Amino acid sequence: GSSTPSGAPVTSAIQTDVSSIVEKAMPSVVAINNTMVMQQQTWFGPSQTVEVPSSGSGIIVGQNDSELLIVTNNHVVSGATSLSVSFIDDETVEGQIKGTDADNDLAVVAVKLSDIKDETKSQIKIAVMGNSDDLEVGDQVVAIGNALGTGQSLTSGYISAKDRTISSQDESTGETITSEGLIQTDAAINPGNSGGALLNMKGEVIGINAAKYSSTEVEGMGYAIPISQAQDIINELMNKKTRVAVDEADQGYL
C-alpha cells in the first residue's frame, strides 16, 4: 500500500517562506518616531497644548538626487513638531514632511541622503511594489512595522476581506473619517504598525498598514490601504517641495 504523506514539510516550507520574505523586505521598512502637539482638556479651565511622543512605521519607496523618500500614514506625521527615521541598522536621522494627503491617510517623508551613513545606505533598500488588485481572500500575508514603538516586528495571517469601508474619528478634530477600499487582514496590526508594509508571499508591498482602524476591543481585524489605490498618490506626493522645518529664530511672524 502507499504511505500517506506527512504534513510536516508543508509547514516548514511556509515558515522558510516567511523568514525569507522578512529578510528581503525588512531593509525597506523604517520606524518613525516623532513629537506631536495635542490639545488636552484639563479639569480646571481651558484645554492646554501638550507635546507627546508618538511612533509609527514607513516604507522606503524611492529616492531623488538628494533625498530618500518614505511613505507612511498621514496620521503618523500630522501635527508633528519633529520627525526621526530609524533604519534596519537602528541608525536614526531627521526626516521632513514632503507631502500629505489627509483624505487618503497617506504622507511622504524625505530624509537627506547626505545625512545617511554609507554603511546604512548599503543595508537599506527601496521596497518592491506588488499589485493589490490580484489579491484573493485567503492569500497569506505578512505585516512588518514598529508595533508599540518597540522596534520592527513581524506578524502573519491571511487576507480576510477586500474592499472594506471603515469609519474612524479624528482624535484632534473629532470629525468622522471614512476610508474605502481597504484590505482586511487577521495579521495583527497594532498602534505603531501604522505606515508599515503588508506584503504578499513574494515579499512585495501590497498594502500600507493603517493601525488607526484597529481597536483594542477587536481581535484579528487589521486594515491596510491597498498599494494599487495608493501608488498614484504616493508618486504625486514624492514630487512636492520638501517642507523644511525652520528654526524658531528664523521664522516669520505676524
Protein backbone atom coordinates (compact mmCIF):
# COMPACT_ATOMS: atom_id res chain seq x y z
CA GLY A 1 0.00 0.00 0.00
CA SER A 2 1.06 3.61 -0.42
CA SER A 3 2.04 5.59 2.65
CA THR A 4 0.22 8.82 3.41
CA PRO A 5 2.42 11.90 3.08
CA SER A 6 3.03 13.62 6.41
CA GLY A 7 2.01 17.28 6.77
CA ALA A 8 5.30 18.39 8.33
CA PRO A 9 7.18 19.55 5.19
CA VAL A 10 4.33 21.92 4.26
CA THR A 11 4.55 23.94 7.49
CA SER A 12 8.32 24.14 7.33
CA ALA A 13 8.02 25.35 3.71
CA ILE A 14 5.67 28.14 4.77
CA GLN A 15 7.97 29.09 7.65
CA THR A 16 11.02 29.29 5.40
CA ASP A 17 8.94 31.33 3.02
CA VAL A 18 8.04 33.87 5.70
CA SER A 19 11.60 34.20 7.02
CA SER A 20 12.98 34.74 3.52
CA ILE A 21 10.31 37.41 2.91
CA VAL A 22 11.34 39.21 6.09
CA GLU A 23 14.98 39.11 5.06
CA LYS A 24 14.03 40.61 1.70
CA ALA A 25 11.59 43.28 2.93
CA MET A 26 12.84 44.35 6.38
CA PRO A 27 15.56 46.67 4.93
CA SER A 28 12.77 48.68 3.23
CA VAL A 29 10.79 49.33 6.42
CA VAL A 30 11.66 52.15 8.82
CA ALA A 31 10.49 53.22 12.26
CA ILE A 32 9.24 56.81 12.54
CA ASN A 33 9.28 58.49 15.93
CA ASN A 34 8.03 61.99 16.46
CA THR A 35 6.74 64.57 18.87
CA MET A 36 3.15 65.64 18.30
CA VAL A 37 1.31 68.64 19.61
CA MET A 38 -2.08 67.74 21.08
CA GLN A 39 -4.84 69.64 22.82
CA GLN A 40 -5.52 68.22 26.28
CA GLN A 41 -8.58 69.14 28.30
CA THR A 42 -7.79 69.87 31.94
CA TRP A 43 -10.16 69.54 34.88
CA PHE A 44 -9.70 73.19 35.66
CA GLY A 45 -10.42 75.68 32.92
CA PRO A 46 -9.20 75.74 29.31
CA SER A 47 -7.50 73.00 27.32
CA GLN A 48 -3.73 73.00 27.14
CA THR A 49 -1.34 72.23 24.32
CA VAL A 50 0.99 69.36 25.21
CA GLU A 51 3.78 67.63 23.32
CA VAL A 52 3.52 63.84 23.24
CA PRO A 53 5.92 61.29 21.76
CA SER A 54 4.38 59.11 19.08
CA SER A 55 5.61 56.28 16.87
CA GLY A 56 4.77 54.71 13.55
CA SER A 57 6.35 52.99 10.57
CA GLY A 58 7.23 53.82 6.98
CA ILE A 59 8.28 52.14 3.75
CA ILE A 60 11.21 53.29 1.58
CA VAL A 61 9.60 53.90 -1.83
CA GLY A 62 12.19 55.85 -3.81
CA GLN A 63 14.87 58.48 -3.93
CA ASN A 64 15.70 61.60 -5.90
CA ASP A 65 19.05 63.39 -6.35
CA SER A 66 19.27 64.46 -2.73
CA GLU A 67 16.64 62.58 -0.72
CA LEU A 68 15.46 59.13 0.31
CA LEU A 69 11.63 59.02 0.13
CA ILE A 70 9.45 57.15 2.60
CA VAL A 71 5.69 56.60 2.55
CA THR A 72 3.68 56.44 5.80
CA ASN A 73 0.20 57.25 7.06
CA ASN A 74 -0.74 60.92 7.31
CA HIS A 75 -1.90 60.38 10.90
CA VAL A 76 1.63 59.25 11.83
CA VAL A 77 3.12 62.64 10.89
CA SER A 78 0.27 65.18 11.09
CA GLY A 79 0.88 67.69 13.88
CA ALA A 80 4.49 66.50 14.31
CA THR A 81 6.96 69.12 15.51
CA SER A 82 9.96 66.87 14.78
CA LEU A 83 10.44 63.57 12.98
CA SER A 84 13.13 60.93 13.31
CA VAL A 85 13.53 57.95 11.00
CA SER A 86 15.29 54.74 12.14
CA PHE A 87 16.62 52.27 9.60
CA ILE A 88 17.21 48.50 9.82
CA ASP A 89 20.60 49.05 11.50
CA ASP A 90 18.96 51.35 14.12
CA GLU A 91 20.74 54.36 12.60
CA THR A 92 18.43 57.35 13.26
CA VAL A 93 18.25 60.52 11.17
CA GLU A 94 15.98 63.52 10.94
CA GLY A 95 13.10 63.46 8.45
CA GLN A 96 11.00 66.21 6.85
CA ILE A 97 7.46 66.09 5.51
CA LYS A 98 7.40 66.08 1.72
CA GLY A 99 3.66 65.89 1.10
CA THR A 100 0.45 64.75 2.79
CA ASP A 101 -2.98 63.58 1.69
CA ALA A 102 -5.27 63.57 4.75
CA ASP A 103 -8.31 62.18 2.89
CA ASN A 104 -6.42 59.02 1.93
CA ASP A 105 -4.32 58.98 5.12
CA LEU A 106 -1.03 58.98 3.19
CA ALA A 107 2.15 61.03 3.55
CA VAL A 108 5.67 61.05 2.13
CA VAL A 109 8.65 61.84 4.36
CA ALA A 110 12.07 62.80 2.99
CA VAL A 111 15.48 62.12 4.55
CA LYS A 112 18.56 63.87 3.14
CA LEU A 113 20.90 61.33 1.51
CA SER A 114 23.80 63.36 2.91
CA ASP A 115 22.54 62.57 6.45
CA ILE A 116 22.67 58.80 5.92
CA LYS A 117 25.95 56.98 6.59
CA ASP A 118 27.38 54.86 3.75
CA GLU A 119 27.20 51.77 5.95
CA THR A 120 23.45 52.36 6.44
CA LYS A 121 22.97 53.03 2.72
CA SER A 122 24.46 49.61 1.98
CA GLN A 123 21.88 47.92 4.24
CA ILE A 124 18.66 49.66 3.23
CA LYS A 125 16.73 49.26 0.00
CA ILE A 126 13.72 50.54 -1.89
CA ALA A 127 10.64 48.34 -1.45
CA VAL A 128 9.33 46.25 -4.33
CA MET A 129 5.69 47.11 -5.07
CA GLY A 130 3.18 44.38 -5.84
CA ASN A 131 -0.31 44.51 -7.33
CA SER A 132 -3.06 44.56 -4.70
CA ASP A 133 -5.73 44.07 -7.40
CA ASP A 134 -4.52 40.47 -7.77
CA LEU A 135 -5.21 39.60 -4.12
CA GLU A 136 -7.72 36.91 -3.22
CA VAL A 137 -9.39 36.30 0.14
CA GLY A 138 -7.35 33.56 1.82
CA ASP A 139 -3.98 34.68 0.40
CA GLN A 140 -1.25 34.60 3.03
CA VAL A 141 0.27 37.97 4.00
CA VAL A 142 2.97 39.30 6.32
CA ALA A 143 2.91 42.66 8.14
CA ILE A 144 6.08 44.44 9.28
CA GLY A 145 6.11 47.54 11.47
CA ASN A 146 7.27 49.34 14.60
CA ALA A 147 4.50 47.92 16.82
CA LEU A 148 4.02 49.94 20.03
CA GLY A 149 7.23 51.80 19.21
CA THR A 150 9.37 48.88 20.40
CA GLY A 151 11.18 48.28 17.09
CA GLN A 152 10.39 46.29 13.96
CA SER A 153 8.37 43.14 14.39
CA LEU A 154 6.50 40.76 12.14
CA THR A 155 3.00 39.31 12.15
CA SER A 156 1.49 36.92 9.66
CA GLY A 157 -2.01 35.99 8.57
CA TYR A 158 -4.40 35.98 5.65
CA ILE A 159 -6.46 38.37 3.57
CA SER A 160 -9.79 38.25 5.43
CA ALA A 161 -11.74 40.54 3.11
CA LYS A 162 -11.24 43.11 0.36
CA ASP A 163 -12.81 46.47 -0.37
CA ARG A 164 -13.85 47.25 3.21
CA THR A 165 -15.25 50.66 4.21
CA ILE A 166 -14.29 51.81 7.73
CA SER A 167 -15.18 54.94 9.70
CA SER A 168 -12.96 56.33 12.43
CA GLN A 169 -12.84 59.51 14.46
CA ASP A 170 -10.03 62.03 14.11
CA GLU A 171 -8.70 62.47 17.66
CA SER A 172 -7.65 66.08 17.19
CA THR A 173 -10.70 67.45 15.32
CA GLY A 174 -13.36 64.93 16.36
CA GLU A 175 -14.63 64.60 12.80
CA THR A 176 -15.52 61.23 11.31
CA ILE A 177 -13.20 59.98 8.57
CA THR A 178 -14.42 57.29 6.19
CA SER A 179 -11.92 55.16 4.29
CA GLU A 180 -12.99 52.95 1.42
CA GLY A 181 -11.48 50.02 -0.42
CA LEU A 182 -9.33 48.79 2.47
CA ILE A 183 -7.81 45.31 2.73
CA GLN A 184 -8.83 43.46 5.91
CA THR A 185 -6.34 41.01 7.41
CA ASP A 186 -6.04 38.90 10.56
CA ALA A 187 -2.29 39.60 10.72
CA ALA A 188 -2.06 41.61 13.96
CA ILE A 189 -1.80 45.34 13.22
CA ASN A 190 -1.24 47.41 16.36
CA PRO A 191 -0.50 51.08 17.13
CA GLY A 192 2.99 51.84 15.82
CA ASN A 193 2.42 49.49 12.85
CA SER A 194 0.76 52.43 11.04
CA GLY A 195 2.56 53.14 7.78
CA GLY A 196 4.32 49.77 7.78
CA ALA A 197 4.21 47.20 5.00
CA LEU A 198 1.68 44.49 4.25
CA LEU A 199 3.47 42.01 2.00
CA ASN A 200 2.45 39.15 -0.26
CA MET A 201 4.40 35.88 -0.29
CA LYS A 202 6.80 37.24 -2.90
CA GLY A 203 7.87 39.94 -0.42
CA GLU A 204 6.18 42.69 -2.47
CA VAL A 205 4.32 45.53 -0.76
CA ILE A 206 0.59 45.11 -1.43
CA GLY A 207 -0.71 47.41 1.31
CA ILE A 208 0.16 50.16 3.79
CA ASN A 209 -0.95 49.17 7.29
CA ALA A 210 -3.31 51.65 8.94
CA ALA A 211 -3.50 50.78 12.65
CA LYS A 212 -5.80 53.75 13.21
CA TYR A 213 -8.68 51.49 12.20
CA SER A 214 -7.76 48.75 14.65
CA SER A 215 -9.24 48.84 18.10
CA THR A 216 -8.20 47.24 21.39
CA GLU A 217 -11.60 45.54 21.68
CA VAL A 218 -11.21 43.86 18.29
CA GLU A 219 -9.05 40.85 17.60
CA GLY A 220 -7.99 39.69 14.16
CA MET A 221 -9.28 42.67 12.17
CA GLY A 222 -6.47 44.85 10.86
CA TYR A 223 -6.72 47.12 7.85
CA ALA A 224 -4.36 48.26 5.12
CA ILE A 225 -4.60 50.74 2.25
CA PRO A 226 -4.14 48.73 -0.99
CA ILE A 227 -0.97 49.72 -2.82
CA SER A 228 -2.77 49.98 -6.18
CA GLN A 229 -5.01 52.64 -4.63
CA ALA A 230 -2.07 54.45 -3.02
CA GLN A 231 0.51 54.32 -5.84
CA ASP A 232 -0.63 57.39 -7.83
CA ILE A 233 -1.00 59.47 -4.66
CA ILE A 234 2.48 58.42 -3.47
CA ASN A 235 4.00 59.39 -6.84
CA GLU A 236 2.33 62.79 -6.63
CA LEU A 237 3.46 63.42 -3.02
CA MET A 238 7.04 62.34 -3.85
CA ASN A 239 7.36 65.25 -6.27
CA LYS A 240 6.30 68.01 -3.88
CA LYS A 241 8.73 70.50 -2.39
CA THR A 242 10.02 69.31 0.97
CA ARG A 243 8.77 71.34 3.94
CA VAL A 244 11.94 72.03 5.87
CA ALA A 245 11.35 72.96 9.49
CA VAL A 246 12.71 76.47 10.06
CA ASP A 247 14.50 77.34 13.27
CA GLU A 248 12.18 79.39 15.54
CA ALA A 249 14.54 82.36 15.48
CA ASP A 250 14.33 82.47 11.67
CA GLN A 251 10.58 82.04 11.38
CA GLY A 252 8.47 84.85 10.02
CA TYR A 253 5.76 86.21 12.27
CA LEU A 254 2.58 88.26 12.00
